[in-house]
Amino acid sequence: MPHLSILFLLGLALFGGTLGGKLFARMRIPQVVAYIVFGIILGKTGLNVVTEETLLMLQPFNYFALGLIGFMIGGELKTQTLARYGRQFLAILMAEGLITFFVVTGLVALVGALFIEQRGLVWALALLLGAIASATAPAATTDVLWEYKARGPLTTTILGIVALDDALSLMLFAVAASLASVLTGSGSGGILHLFTHPLVEIGGALATGALSGLILSLIIKKQSQEEKILALSLGAVLLVLGIAITLNIDVLMAAMALGVMIANITPRKSREIFSLVEKFTPPVYVLFFVLFGAKLNFGNVTTFLAGMVLVYLTGRTLGKMAGAALGARFSGAPAAVKKYLPFCLFSQAGVAIGLSILAGQRFPGEIGNIIVVIITTSTFFVQILGPPMVKMAIIRAGEAGKNFTEEDLIRRTRAKDIMDTQIPLIEENMPLRKVLAIVSEHPNLYYPVVDPNRKLIGIITIDNIKNTFITTGLHEFLLAHDLMESVAFTAEPDSLMVDVKAMMQDRQVDYCPVVSRNGRLEGFLESRSIQRLISRRIESIHSGEDRT
């Protein structure tokens, strides 16, 4: 029963990957490393539980995961970010991409000439590997940034570079493939096609994502239910991926363009959209990286290929580090970017493997086989090395833990941290005249009623006062006790705000009195004040004024 087998493997991958991630997190190793290692154990190199047939059947899931990654990255590329960092992004992108291309090409050509007699084959191999080396995988890199909630100039630059790196890699590969065709005498389809196809692929992806984003933003503006917003968002991602695959255009860039449009057309609504999608993604990412690890196969690595892997890794590492450092320096990037960006661009995965397979198809035989083995093997090492380097960089740059959302802060906040301790109190025997005097002096919508010992006994609302004036003429004889209503629920000062907010939603009330264990009123919470205070704290954290 293949369906049962697939479900069992998915469950095993998700369960084992998650447990492994928690174990690695305790050892202060990024969880994505654990996912890949567990995948290797399940794949060909290990137990061979996940077969090639299974991986082929699950290929649509991999596209979905890549689509979500691209969508979330696009959400970070707001117009103000591009306006502020656009020149910096372009300078660093061109420097790290081109320098890596030339360094890898030179080293592979130099070493390859010692083992391969045909100079044309040597240079064809060098050019193709150089082009593929320029690619940087967004998945593992961004997973670390999100795991450690990074925020700041370095994080923004990393996201911008990995988002745009795909396009540069495709263009370099087109140039390399055209030159390699001439060198090996295997040209077909014309050189013009080799140059125009990447332009069509990139342009088509951007157009597809942008148009879909425009349509989704118009539809989703009218939605208020979280379930429908999430369903529409995921549906849009899947539709864009389906169109991209059908038209043979870049999947990652199409999804990224969708995210960019949503983030910039509906900036306020986009916060809710990306927050909901982010909650949905963790199990998808776990499965994606476990399955990625299962693909890796080290059974075909010979001594020659092992040496070429070492050459490739050395050239790519030097190229990425030197290019990122020079690009950051010449673009006038902040100090943290200049110092730590060279350690954040090691990861290589989907795009590089895809280009290696494309090279294998276009150049069947010795060159194609060498490229596929080198890229597959080297990908394992950079995917293991890359995430810890990103973690080290963002921690030393002081950007880890700064990407706080309102939900993150609420999880860490207790009622006593934000409750209003200066709330006006109304005694149960207070005449209506005095009650109205207090209400007229304060903007509150809810007023706690207490006994002489400050114990909470009820709540007076503005609506209650209005209804009293409409329905009765005995105003002069009314006391606070006659106006109050029973309290829906209370919280203690140490109650977590996430629990308080959940209870307020369940009871459908906009307030919560905070009382001690003996019932004495300690403070008061209103929905308006909660939102206002949380927003101020978030702004303070993001501006660097509040580091708690």
Protein backbone atom coordinates (compact mmCIF):
# COMPACT_ATOMS: atom_id res chain seq x y z
CA MET A 1 0.00 0.00 0.00
CA PRO A 2 2.08 2.95 -1.29
CA HIS A 3 -0.15 5.58 0.33
CA LEU A 4 0.32 4.04 3.76
CA SER A 5 4.06 3.85 3.12
CA ILE A 6 4.24 7.52 2.15
CA LEU A 7 2.23 8.57 5.21
CA PHE A 8 4.46 6.47 7.46
CA LEU A 9 7.62 8.02 6.00
CA LEU A 10 6.22 11.54 6.32
CA GLY A 11 5.30 10.88 9.93
CA LEU A 12 8.72 9.39 10.63
CA ALA A 13 10.48 12.31 8.95
CA LEU A 14 8.43 14.93 10.80
CA PHE A 15 8.60 13.21 14.18
CA GLY A 16 12.28 12.26 13.99
CA GLY A 17 13.34 15.56 12.46
CA THR A 18 11.54 17.57 15.13
CA LEU A 19 13.01 15.55 17.99
CA GLY A 20 16.47 15.79 16.41
CA GLY A 21 16.03 19.54 16.01
CA LYS A 22 15.20 19.92 19.70
CA LEU A 23 18.25 17.86 20.63
CA PHE A 24 20.53 19.95 18.41
CA ALA A 25 18.98 23.16 19.76
CA ARG A 26 20.03 22.10 23.27
CA MET A 27 23.56 21.73 21.94
CA ARG A 28 23.20 25.24 20.46
CA ILE A 29 23.32 23.93 16.91
CA PRO A 30 20.71 25.29 14.43
CA GLN A 31 17.84 22.84 14.11
CA VAL A 32 18.04 22.75 10.32
CA VAL A 33 21.32 20.82 10.62
CA ALA A 34 19.49 18.09 12.55
CA TYR A 35 16.78 17.87 9.89
CA ILE A 36 19.37 17.33 7.14
CA VAL A 37 21.35 14.79 9.17
CA PHE A 38 18.20 12.81 9.96
CA GLY A 39 17.33 12.86 6.26
CA ILE A 40 20.77 11.49 5.38
CA ILE A 41 20.21 8.66 7.87
CA LEU A 42 16.92 7.80 6.17
CA GLY A 43 18.24 8.19 2.61
CA LYS A 44 20.60 6.32 0.29
CA THR A 45 23.70 7.09 2.29
CA GLY A 46 22.09 5.68 5.43
CA LEU A 47 19.25 3.22 5.89
CA ASN A 48 17.80 3.71 2.38
CA VAL A 49 14.31 3.93 3.85
CA VAL A 50 13.42 6.88 1.62
CA THR A 51 13.87 5.68 -1.98
CA GLU A 52 14.24 7.66 -5.19
CA GLU A 53 10.69 6.68 -6.13
CA THR A 54 9.38 8.14 -2.88
CA LEU A 55 11.36 11.35 -3.37
CA LEU A 56 9.99 11.67 -6.89
CA MET A 57 6.42 11.26 -5.61
CA LEU A 58 7.05 13.96 -3.00
CA GLN A 59 8.56 16.46 -5.45
CA PRO A 60 5.38 18.63 -5.44
CA PHE A 61 5.77 18.98 -1.66
CA ASN A 62 9.33 20.28 -2.15
CA TYR A 63 8.01 22.89 -4.57
CA PHE A 64 5.41 23.89 -1.99
CA ALA A 65 8.09 24.33 0.69
CA LEU A 66 10.25 26.40 -1.67
CA GLY A 67 7.21 28.46 -2.54
CA LEU A 68 6.51 29.24 1.11
CA ILE A 69 10.16 30.18 1.63
CA GLY A 70 10.08 32.51 -1.37
CA PHE A 71 6.77 34.00 -0.25
CA MET A 72 8.09 34.76 3.25
CA ILE A 73 11.31 36.29 1.87
CA GLY A 74 9.26 38.48 -0.46
CA GLY A 75 7.34 39.73 2.55
CA GLU A 76 10.59 41.21 3.89
CA LEU A 77 11.32 43.21 0.71
CA LYS A 78 9.23 46.30 1.30
CA THR A 79 9.63 49.41 -0.86
CA GLN A 80 11.21 51.38 1.98
CA THR A 81 13.73 48.56 2.50
CA LEU A 82 14.62 48.43 -1.20
CA ALA A 83 14.85 52.23 -1.37
CA ARG A 84 17.19 52.27 1.61
CA TYR A 85 19.33 49.22 0.80
CA GLY A 86 18.84 48.75 -2.95
CA ARG A 87 22.23 50.14 -3.99
CA GLN A 88 23.92 48.17 -1.22
CA PHE A 89 22.14 44.95 -2.23
CA LEU A 90 23.14 45.33 -5.88
CA ALA A 91 26.80 46.07 -5.11
CA ILE A 92 27.16 43.12 -2.74
CA LEU A 93 25.21 40.79 -5.04
CA MET A 94 27.37 41.55 -8.06
CA ALA A 95 30.61 41.37 -6.06
CA GLU A 96 29.95 38.08 -4.25
CA GLY A 97 28.37 36.44 -7.31
CA LEU A 98 30.97 37.46 -9.90
CA ILE A 99 34.03 37.02 -7.69
CA THR A 100 32.83 33.54 -6.71
CA PHE A 101 32.30 32.72 -10.39
CA PHE A 102 35.83 33.78 -11.37
CA VAL A 103 37.59 32.20 -8.37
CA VAL A 104 35.88 28.81 -8.75
CA THR A 105 36.33 28.85 -12.52
CA GLY A 106 40.05 29.62 -12.16
CA LEU A 107 40.76 27.00 -9.49
CA VAL A 108 38.79 24.23 -11.21
CA ALA A 109 40.51 24.99 -14.53
CA LEU A 110 43.94 24.97 -12.87
CA VAL A 111 43.47 21.70 -10.96
CA GLY A 112 41.34 20.03 -13.64
CA ALA A 113 44.10 20.50 -16.21
CA LEU A 114 46.25 18.11 -14.16
CA PHE A 115 43.76 15.23 -14.57
CA ILE A 116 41.85 15.94 -17.80
CA GLU A 117 43.81 16.15 -21.04
CA GLN A 118 41.21 17.89 -23.20
CA ARG A 119 41.45 21.62 -22.50
CA GLY A 120 37.97 22.25 -23.88
CA LEU A 121 36.42 19.87 -21.37
CA VAL A 122 38.43 21.41 -18.53
CA TRP A 123 37.25 24.94 -19.25
CA ALA A 124 33.67 23.84 -19.88
CA LEU A 125 33.64 22.09 -16.50
CA ALA A 126 35.24 25.11 -14.81
CA LEU A 127 32.80 27.63 -16.29
CA LEU A 128 29.72 25.57 -15.37
CA LEU A 129 30.90 24.94 -11.80
CA GLY A 130 31.81 28.61 -11.44
CA ALA A 131 28.31 29.69 -12.47
CA ILE A 132 26.63 27.19 -10.16
CA ALA A 133 28.89 28.26 -7.26
CA SER A 134 27.43 31.78 -7.35
CA ALA A 135 24.05 30.50 -6.12
CA THR A 136 23.16 30.87 -2.44
CA ALA A 137 20.39 28.76 -0.91
CA PRO A 138 17.74 30.84 0.84
CA ALA A 139 16.05 28.00 2.72
CA ALA A 140 18.64 27.01 5.33
CA THR A 141 19.83 30.60 5.75
CA THR A 142 16.41 32.12 6.34
CA ASP A 143 15.42 29.22 8.59
CA VAL A 144 18.23 30.20 10.99
CA LEU A 145 17.24 33.87 10.84
CA TRP A 146 13.65 33.00 11.72
CA GLU A 147 14.63 30.44 14.36
CA TYR A 148 16.73 33.01 16.21
CA LYS A 149 14.34 35.90 15.45
CA ALA A 150 17.05 38.05 13.89
CA ARG A 151 16.47 41.67 12.93
CA GLY A 152 18.81 44.45 11.83
CA PRO A 153 20.99 45.66 8.92
CA LEU A 154 22.84 42.34 8.60
CA THR A 155 19.61 40.30 8.59
CA THR A 156 18.01 42.63 6.04
CA THR A 157 21.06 42.39 3.79
CA ILE A 158 21.15 38.59 3.99
CA LEU A 159 17.48 38.35 3.03
CA GLY A 160 17.95 40.76 0.15
CA ILE A 161 20.99 38.92 -1.23
CA VAL A 162 19.52 35.40 -1.06
CA ALA A 163 16.32 36.69 -2.65
CA LEU A 164 18.12 38.20 -5.65
CA ASP A 165 20.91 35.64 -5.96
CA ASP A 166 18.72 33.27 -7.96
CA ALA A 167 18.48 35.66 -10.92
CA LEU A 168 22.23 36.29 -11.07
CA SER A 169 22.97 32.55 -10.96
CA LEU A 170 20.64 31.87 -13.86
CA MET A 171 22.25 34.57 -15.97
CA LEU A 172 25.79 33.37 -15.21
CA PHE A 173 24.77 29.79 -15.97
CA ALA A 174 23.35 30.88 -19.33
CA VAL A 175 26.66 32.53 -20.25
CA ALA A 176 28.69 29.54 -18.99
CA ALA A 177 26.48 27.02 -20.79
CA SER A 178 26.79 28.88 -24.10
CA LEU A 179 30.59 29.03 -23.81
CA ALA A 180 30.77 25.39 -22.69
CA SER A 181 28.74 24.36 -25.74
CA VAL A 182 31.26 26.02 -28.01
CA LEU A 183 34.22 24.49 -26.12
CA THR A 184 32.80 20.94 -26.25
CA GLY A 185 31.17 21.21 -29.66
CA SER A 186 27.78 20.19 -28.23
CA GLY A 187 25.85 23.39 -28.90
CA SER A 188 22.18 23.05 -29.74
CA GLY A 189 19.27 25.44 -29.78
CA GLY A 190 21.46 28.40 -30.63
CA ILE A 191 23.46 30.75 -28.43
CA LEU A 192 20.69 33.35 -28.62
CA HIS A 193 18.30 30.93 -26.93
CA LEU A 194 20.76 30.31 -24.10
CA PHE A 195 20.85 34.03 -23.33
CA THR A 196 17.18 34.84 -23.86
CA HIS A 197 15.74 31.85 -21.96
CA PRO A 198 16.92 33.04 -18.51
CA LEU A 199 15.51 36.50 -19.23
CA VAL A 200 12.15 34.99 -20.17
CA GLU A 201 12.25 32.68 -17.14
CA ILE A 202 13.01 35.48 -14.67
CA GLY A 203 10.65 38.01 -16.29
CA GLY A 204 7.84 35.46 -16.48
CA ALA A 205 8.31 34.54 -12.83
CA LEU A 206 8.21 38.16 -11.67
CA ALA A 207 5.16 38.93 -13.82
CA THR A 208 3.28 35.83 -12.63
CA GLY A 209 3.97 36.52 -8.97
CA ALA A 210 3.24 40.24 -9.23
CA LEU A 211 -0.09 39.75 -11.03
CA SER A 212 -1.16 37.05 -8.59
CA GLY A 213 -0.17 39.26 -5.66
CA LEU A 214 -2.27 42.12 -7.01
CA ILE A 215 -5.32 39.89 -7.35
CA LEU A 216 -4.85 38.31 -3.91
CA SER A 217 -4.44 41.71 -2.23
CA LEU A 218 -7.76 42.89 -3.70
CA ILE A 219 -9.56 39.75 -2.50
CA ILE A 220 -7.98 39.47 0.92
CA LYS A 221 -8.62 43.11 1.93
CA LYS A 222 -12.26 42.22 2.57
CA GLN A 223 -11.51 39.17 4.71
CA SER A 224 -11.38 39.28 8.51
CA GLN A 225 -11.49 35.61 9.52
CA GLU A 226 -8.02 34.15 10.08
CA GLU A 227 -8.99 30.76 8.63
CA LYS A 228 -10.06 32.30 5.31
CA ILE A 229 -7.00 34.58 5.14
CA LEU A 230 -4.68 31.60 5.65
CA ALA A 231 -6.56 29.47 3.11
CA LEU A 232 -6.49 32.23 0.48
CA SER A 233 -2.79 32.92 1.07
CA LEU A 234 -1.76 29.26 0.79
CA GLY A 235 -4.04 28.84 -2.21
CA ALA A 236 -2.37 31.78 -3.93
CA VAL A 237 1.08 30.32 -3.28
CA LEU A 238 0.02 26.96 -4.72
CA LEU A 239 -1.55 28.59 -7.78
CA VAL A 240 1.58 30.62 -8.47
CA LEU A 241 3.75 27.51 -8.10
CA GLY A 242 1.49 25.56 -10.46
CA ILE A 243 1.62 28.30 -13.09
CA ALA A 244 5.40 28.60 -12.72
CA ILE A 245 5.96 24.85 -13.16
CA THR A 246 3.59 24.72 -16.14
CA LEU A 247 5.30 27.67 -17.87
CA ASN A 248 8.78 26.41 -16.90
CA ILE A 249 9.70 29.62 -15.10
CA ASP A 250 11.53 30.09 -11.81
CA VAL A 251 9.39 28.83 -8.92
CA LEU A 252 11.23 30.62 -6.12
CA MET A 253 11.18 34.02 -7.81
CA ALA A 254 7.49 33.73 -8.69
CA ALA A 255 6.60 33.05 -5.05
CA MET A 256 8.92 35.84 -3.92
CA ALA A 257 7.23 38.32 -6.27
CA LEU A 258 3.87 37.28 -4.80
CA GLY A 259 5.14 38.06 -1.30
CA VAL A 260 6.62 41.40 -2.38
CA MET A 261 3.31 42.53 -3.85
CA ILE A 262 1.31 41.53 -0.78
CA ALA A 263 3.76 43.25 1.58
CA ASN A 264 3.70 46.54 -0.36
CA ILE A 265 0.11 46.78 -1.61
CA THR A 266 -1.53 45.90 1.72
CA PRO A 267 1.15 46.70 4.34
CA ARG A 268 -1.18 46.56 7.34
CA LYS A 269 -3.04 43.44 6.26
CA SER A 270 0.21 41.78 5.21
CA ARG A 271 1.36 41.60 8.85
CA GLU A 272 -1.56 39.31 9.63
CA ILE A 273 -1.09 37.32 6.42
CA PHE A 274 2.61 36.59 6.97
CA SER A 275 2.04 35.92 10.67
CA LEU A 276 -0.55 33.25 9.86
CA VAL A 277 1.59 31.66 7.13
CA GLU A 278 4.60 31.68 9.46
CA LYS A 279 2.64 29.65 12.02
CA PHE A 280 1.79 27.13 9.30
CA THR A 281 5.33 26.65 7.97
CA PRO A 282 7.37 24.87 10.75
CA PRO A 283 6.30 21.28 9.92
CA VAL A 284 6.65 22.01 6.20
CA TYR A 285 10.23 23.20 6.70
CA VAL A 286 11.10 20.14 8.82
CA LEU A 287 9.87 17.76 6.12
CA PHE A 288 11.57 19.78 3.38
CA PHE A 289 15.03 19.58 4.95
CA VAL A 290 14.66 15.92 5.99
CA LEU A 291 13.73 15.00 2.41
CA PHE A 292 16.58 17.15 1.13
CA GLY A 293 19.02 15.20 3.30
CA ALA A 294 17.55 11.93 2.02
CA LYS A 295 18.42 12.95 -1.56
CA LEU A 296 22.13 13.21 -0.87
CA ASN A 297 24.15 10.22 -2.09
CA PHE A 298 27.88 9.87 -1.47
CA GLY A 299 28.27 6.40 -3.00
CA ASN A 300 29.71 7.65 -6.33
CA VAL A 301 32.52 9.81 -4.92
CA THR A 302 35.95 8.71 -6.21
CA THR A 303 39.35 10.06 -5.16
CA PHE A 304 39.43 12.42 -8.15
CA LEU A 305 35.92 13.68 -7.45
CA ALA A 306 36.71 14.09 -3.75
CA GLY A 307 39.65 16.29 -4.71
CA MET A 308 37.47 18.34 -7.07
CA VAL A 309 34.88 18.75 -4.32
CA LEU A 310 37.60 20.15 -2.09
CA VAL A 311 38.74 22.53 -4.84
CA TYR A 312 35.17 23.64 -5.48
CA LEU A 313 34.44 24.21 -1.78
CA THR A 314 37.68 26.14 -1.29
CA GLY A 315 37.06 28.36 -4.30
CA ARG A 316 33.42 28.97 -3.46
CA THR A 317 34.14 29.77 0.20
CA LEU A 318 36.96 32.20 -0.69
CA GLY A 319 34.89 33.78 -3.45
CA LYS A 320 31.81 34.28 -1.30
CA MET A 321 33.75 35.73 1.62
CA ALA A 322 35.96 38.02 -0.47
CA GLY A 323 33.07 39.15 -2.68
CA ALA A 324 30.75 39.88 0.24
CA ALA A 325 33.49 41.80 2.07
CA LEU A 326 34.43 43.91 -0.97
CA GLY A 327 30.81 44.56 -1.94
CA ALA A 328 29.94 45.63 1.59
CA ARG A 329 32.96 47.92 1.78
CA PHE A 330 32.42 49.65 -1.57
CA SER A 331 28.67 50.06 -1.00
CA GLY A 332 29.19 51.78 2.35
CA ALA A 333 27.30 49.09 4.27
CA PRO A 334 27.03 49.27 8.08
CA ALA A 335 29.91 47.89 10.14
CA ALA A 336 28.01 44.74 11.12
CA VAL A 337 27.40 43.90 7.45
CA LYS A 338 31.05 44.45 6.50
CA LYS A 339 32.25 42.30 9.37
CA TYR A 340 29.81 39.39 9.39
CA LEU A 341 28.14 39.07 5.96
CA PRO A 342 31.11 37.03 4.58
CA PHE A 343 30.11 34.23 6.99
CA CYS A 344 26.44 34.12 5.94
CA LEU A 345 26.46 33.07 2.29
CA PHE A 346 27.82 29.51 2.40
CA SER A 347 24.56 27.54 2.05
CA GLN A 348 23.84 25.95 -1.32
CA ALA A 349 20.89 23.75 -2.21
CA GLY A 350 17.90 23.86 -4.54
CA VAL A 351 19.07 26.26 -7.26
CA ALA A 352 22.60 24.80 -7.36
CA ILE A 353 21.34 21.21 -7.52
CA GLY A 354 18.78 22.19 -10.15
CA LEU A 355 21.46 23.82 -12.31
CA SER A 356 23.74 20.80 -11.89
CA ILE A 357 20.96 18.51 -13.12
CA LEU A 358 20.35 20.90 -16.02
CA ALA A 359 24.07 20.76 -16.81
CA GLY A 360 23.96 16.96 -16.66
CA GLN A 361 21.11 16.90 -19.17
CA ARG A 362 22.71 19.42 -21.52
CA PHE A 363 26.20 17.90 -21.31
CA PRO A 364 25.64 14.14 -20.93
CA GLY A 365 28.66 12.03 -20.22
CA GLU A 366 31.78 12.87 -18.25
CA ILE A 367 31.19 16.59 -17.63
CA GLY A 368 27.56 16.18 -16.59
CA ASN A 369 28.28 13.31 -14.21
CA ILE A 370 31.21 15.14 -12.60
CA ILE A 371 29.12 18.28 -12.00
CA VAL A 372 26.20 16.40 -10.45
CA VAL A 373 28.44 14.47 -8.03
CA ILE A 374 30.49 17.56 -7.05
CA ILE A 375 27.45 19.73 -6.39
CA THR A 376 25.55 17.03 -4.52
CA THR A 377 28.52 16.18 -2.30
CA SER A 378 29.56 19.78 -1.65
CA THR A 379 25.96 20.71 -0.83
CA PHE A 380 26.06 18.41 2.17
CA PHE A 381 29.11 20.15 3.62
CA VAL A 382 27.93 23.73 3.05
CA GLN A 383 24.46 22.94 4.38
CA ILE A 384 26.04 21.62 7.58
CA LEU A 385 28.56 24.49 7.81
CA GLY A 386 26.29 27.32 6.65
CA PRO A 387 23.61 27.48 9.39
CA PRO A 388 26.06 27.59 12.36
CA MET A 389 27.98 30.36 10.58
CA VAL A 390 24.80 32.38 10.11
CA LYS A 391 23.92 31.84 13.76
CA MET A 392 27.38 32.97 14.87
CA ALA A 393 27.19 36.08 12.68
CA ILE A 394 23.78 37.32 13.82
CA ILE A 395 24.62 36.70 17.48
CA ARG A 396 27.93 38.58 17.26
CA ALA A 397 26.24 41.35 15.29
CA GLY A 398 23.73 41.68 18.13
CA GLU A 399 20.72 40.98 15.90
CA ALA A 400 19.53 37.66 17.34
CA GLY A 401 16.29 37.91 19.32
CA LYS A 402 15.33 41.36 18.01
CA ASN A 403 12.62 40.35 15.56
CA PHE A 404 9.86 40.45 18.15
CA THR A 405 6.25 40.35 17.04
CA GLU A 406 3.32 41.35 19.20
CA GLU A 407 2.54 37.67 19.79
CA ASP A 408 6.12 36.98 20.91
CA LEU A 409 5.97 39.82 23.40
CA ILE A 410 2.55 38.77 24.71
CA ARG A 411 3.90 35.26 25.37
CA ARG A 412 6.61 36.77 27.57
CA THR A 413 4.41 39.35 29.27
CA ARG A 414 2.41 38.95 32.47
CA ALA A 415 -0.64 40.90 33.52
CA LYS A 416 1.31 42.90 36.13
CA ASP A 417 3.70 44.15 33.44
CA ILE A 418 1.10 46.16 31.54
CA MET A 419 -1.95 46.50 33.83
CA ASP A 420 -3.22 49.96 34.72
CA THR A 421 -2.66 50.47 38.45
CA GLN A 422 -4.14 53.99 38.42
CA ILE A 423 -7.59 52.93 37.33
CA PRO A 424 -10.34 55.10 38.92
CA LEU A 425 -12.24 53.08 41.54
CA ILE A 426 -15.93 53.31 42.32
CA GLU A 427 -17.24 52.32 45.73
CA GLU A 428 -20.41 50.24 45.82
CA ASN A 429 -22.41 52.86 47.79
CA MET A 430 -21.27 55.85 45.71
CA PRO A 431 -24.20 57.96 44.40
CA LEU A 432 -24.78 58.22 40.68
CA ARG A 433 -23.77 61.90 40.73
CA LYS A 434 -20.26 61.02 41.93
CA VAL A 435 -20.05 58.11 39.53
CA LEU A 436 -20.78 60.43 36.60
CA ALA A 437 -18.20 62.91 37.85
CA ILE A 438 -15.51 60.20 37.83
CA VAL A 439 -16.57 58.94 34.40
CA SER A 440 -16.45 62.45 32.96
CA GLU A 441 -12.83 62.87 34.05
CA HIS A 442 -11.48 59.65 32.56
CA PRO A 443 -11.53 58.05 29.09
CA ASN A 444 -12.07 54.51 30.35
CA LEU A 445 -14.95 52.36 29.13
CA TYR A 446 -15.00 50.11 32.21
CA TYR A 447 -14.85 51.01 35.92
CA PRO A 448 -14.32 48.45 38.71
CA VAL A 449 -16.63 48.61 41.73
CA VAL A 450 -14.97 47.74 45.06
CA ASP A 451 -15.95 47.39 48.70
CA PRO A 452 -14.20 49.35 51.51
CA ASN A 453 -11.38 46.77 51.54
CA ARG A 454 -10.75 47.29 47.80
CA LYS A 455 -12.14 43.86 46.97
CA LEU A 456 -13.69 43.66 43.51
CA ILE A 457 -17.44 43.14 43.51
CA GLY A 458 -18.56 44.29 40.05
CA ILE A 459 -18.03 46.36 36.90
CA ILE A 460 -19.73 49.53 35.66
CA THR A 461 -19.65 50.08 31.92
CA ILE A 462 -20.43 53.18 29.89
CA ASP A 463 -23.18 51.21 28.13
CA ASN A 464 -24.79 50.43 31.50
CA ILE A 465 -24.88 54.10 32.42
CA LYS A 466 -26.46 55.01 29.06
CA ASN A 467 -29.10 52.30 29.38
CA THR A 468 -29.91 53.41 32.92
CA PHE A 469 -30.65 56.96 31.83
CA ILE A 470 -32.84 55.71 29.01
CA THR A 471 -34.90 53.19 31.01
CA THR A 472 -35.41 54.78 34.41
CA GLY A 473 -36.18 58.16 35.92
CA LEU A 474 -34.92 57.36 39.43
CA HIS A 475 -31.43 58.70 38.75
CA GLU A 476 -31.07 60.56 42.02
CA PHE A 477 -31.72 57.44 44.09
CA LEU A 478 -29.32 55.12 42.25
CA LEU A 479 -26.03 53.96 43.70
CA ALA A 480 -23.03 52.38 42.03
CA HIS A 481 -24.24 49.02 43.31
CA ASP A 482 -27.40 49.42 41.19
CA LEU A 483 -25.43 50.14 38.01
CA MET A 484 -22.80 47.47 38.18
CA GLU A 485 -22.81 44.08 36.54
CA SER A 486 -21.04 40.90 37.54
CA VAL A 487 -17.42 40.39 36.54
CA ALA A 488 -16.94 37.95 33.65
CA PHE A 489 -13.57 36.73 34.90
CA THR A 490 -10.42 37.96 36.63
CA ALA A 491 -6.70 37.36 36.35
CA GLU A 492 -3.86 37.39 38.86
CA PRO A 493 -0.83 39.69 38.48
CA ASP A 494 1.38 36.75 37.42
CA SER A 495 -1.09 35.48 34.82
CA LEU A 496 0.43 35.23 31.33
CA MET A 497 -1.03 37.77 28.92
CA VAL A 498 -1.42 35.09 26.25
CA ASP A 499 -3.86 33.32 28.60
CA VAL A 500 -5.60 36.57 29.53
CA LYS A 501 -6.14 37.52 25.88
CA ALA A 502 -7.43 34.04 25.06
CA MET A 503 -9.92 34.24 27.93
CA MET A 504 -11.06 37.71 26.83
CA GLN A 505 -11.72 36.36 23.36
CA ASP A 506 -13.56 33.30 24.68
CA ARG A 507 -15.78 35.41 26.98
CA GLN A 508 -16.11 38.12 24.30
CA VAL A 509 -15.24 40.95 26.69
CA ASP A 510 -12.82 43.86 26.31
CA TYR A 511 -11.60 44.08 29.89
CA CYS A 512 -10.03 42.04 32.66
CA PRO A 513 -9.65 43.07 36.31
CA VAL A 514 -6.38 41.95 37.90
CA VAL A 515 -6.85 40.83 41.51
CA SER A 516 -4.74 39.23 44.21
CA ARG A 517 -5.59 35.81 45.58
CA ASN A 518 -7.74 37.32 48.31
CA GLY A 519 -9.80 39.25 45.73
CA ARG A 520 -8.20 42.67 46.24
CA LEU A 521 -8.05 44.75 43.04
CA GLU A 522 -4.45 45.29 41.91
CA GLY A 523 -4.94 46.68 38.42
CA PHE A 524 -7.07 46.68 35.29
CA LEU A 525 -6.67 45.69 31.65
CA GLU A 526 -8.61 47.01 28.66
CA SER A 527 -8.19 45.79 25.10
CA ARG A 528 -7.37 49.30 23.88
CA SER A 529 -4.65 49.86 26.45
CA ILE A 530 -3.21 46.35 25.95
CA GLN A 531 -2.78 46.93 22.22
CA ARG A 532 -1.35 50.41 22.75
CA LEU A 533 1.21 49.30 25.33
CA ILE A 534 2.28 46.22 23.37
CA SER A 535 2.75 48.31 20.21
CA ARG A 536 4.90 50.80 22.11
CA ARG A 537 7.05 48.03 23.55
CA ILE A 538 7.52 46.50 20.10
CA GLU A 539 8.55 49.86 18.63
CA SER A 540 10.93 50.36 21.53
CA ILE A 541 12.53 46.92 21.03
CA HIS A 542 12.90 47.43 17.28
CA SER A 543 14.49 50.84 17.79
CA GLY A 544 16.99 49.36 20.22
CA GLU A 545 15.73 51.30 23.25
CA ASP A 546 14.35 48.21 24.98
CA ARG A 547 16.54 45.09 24.88
CA THR A 548 14.61 43.02 27.38
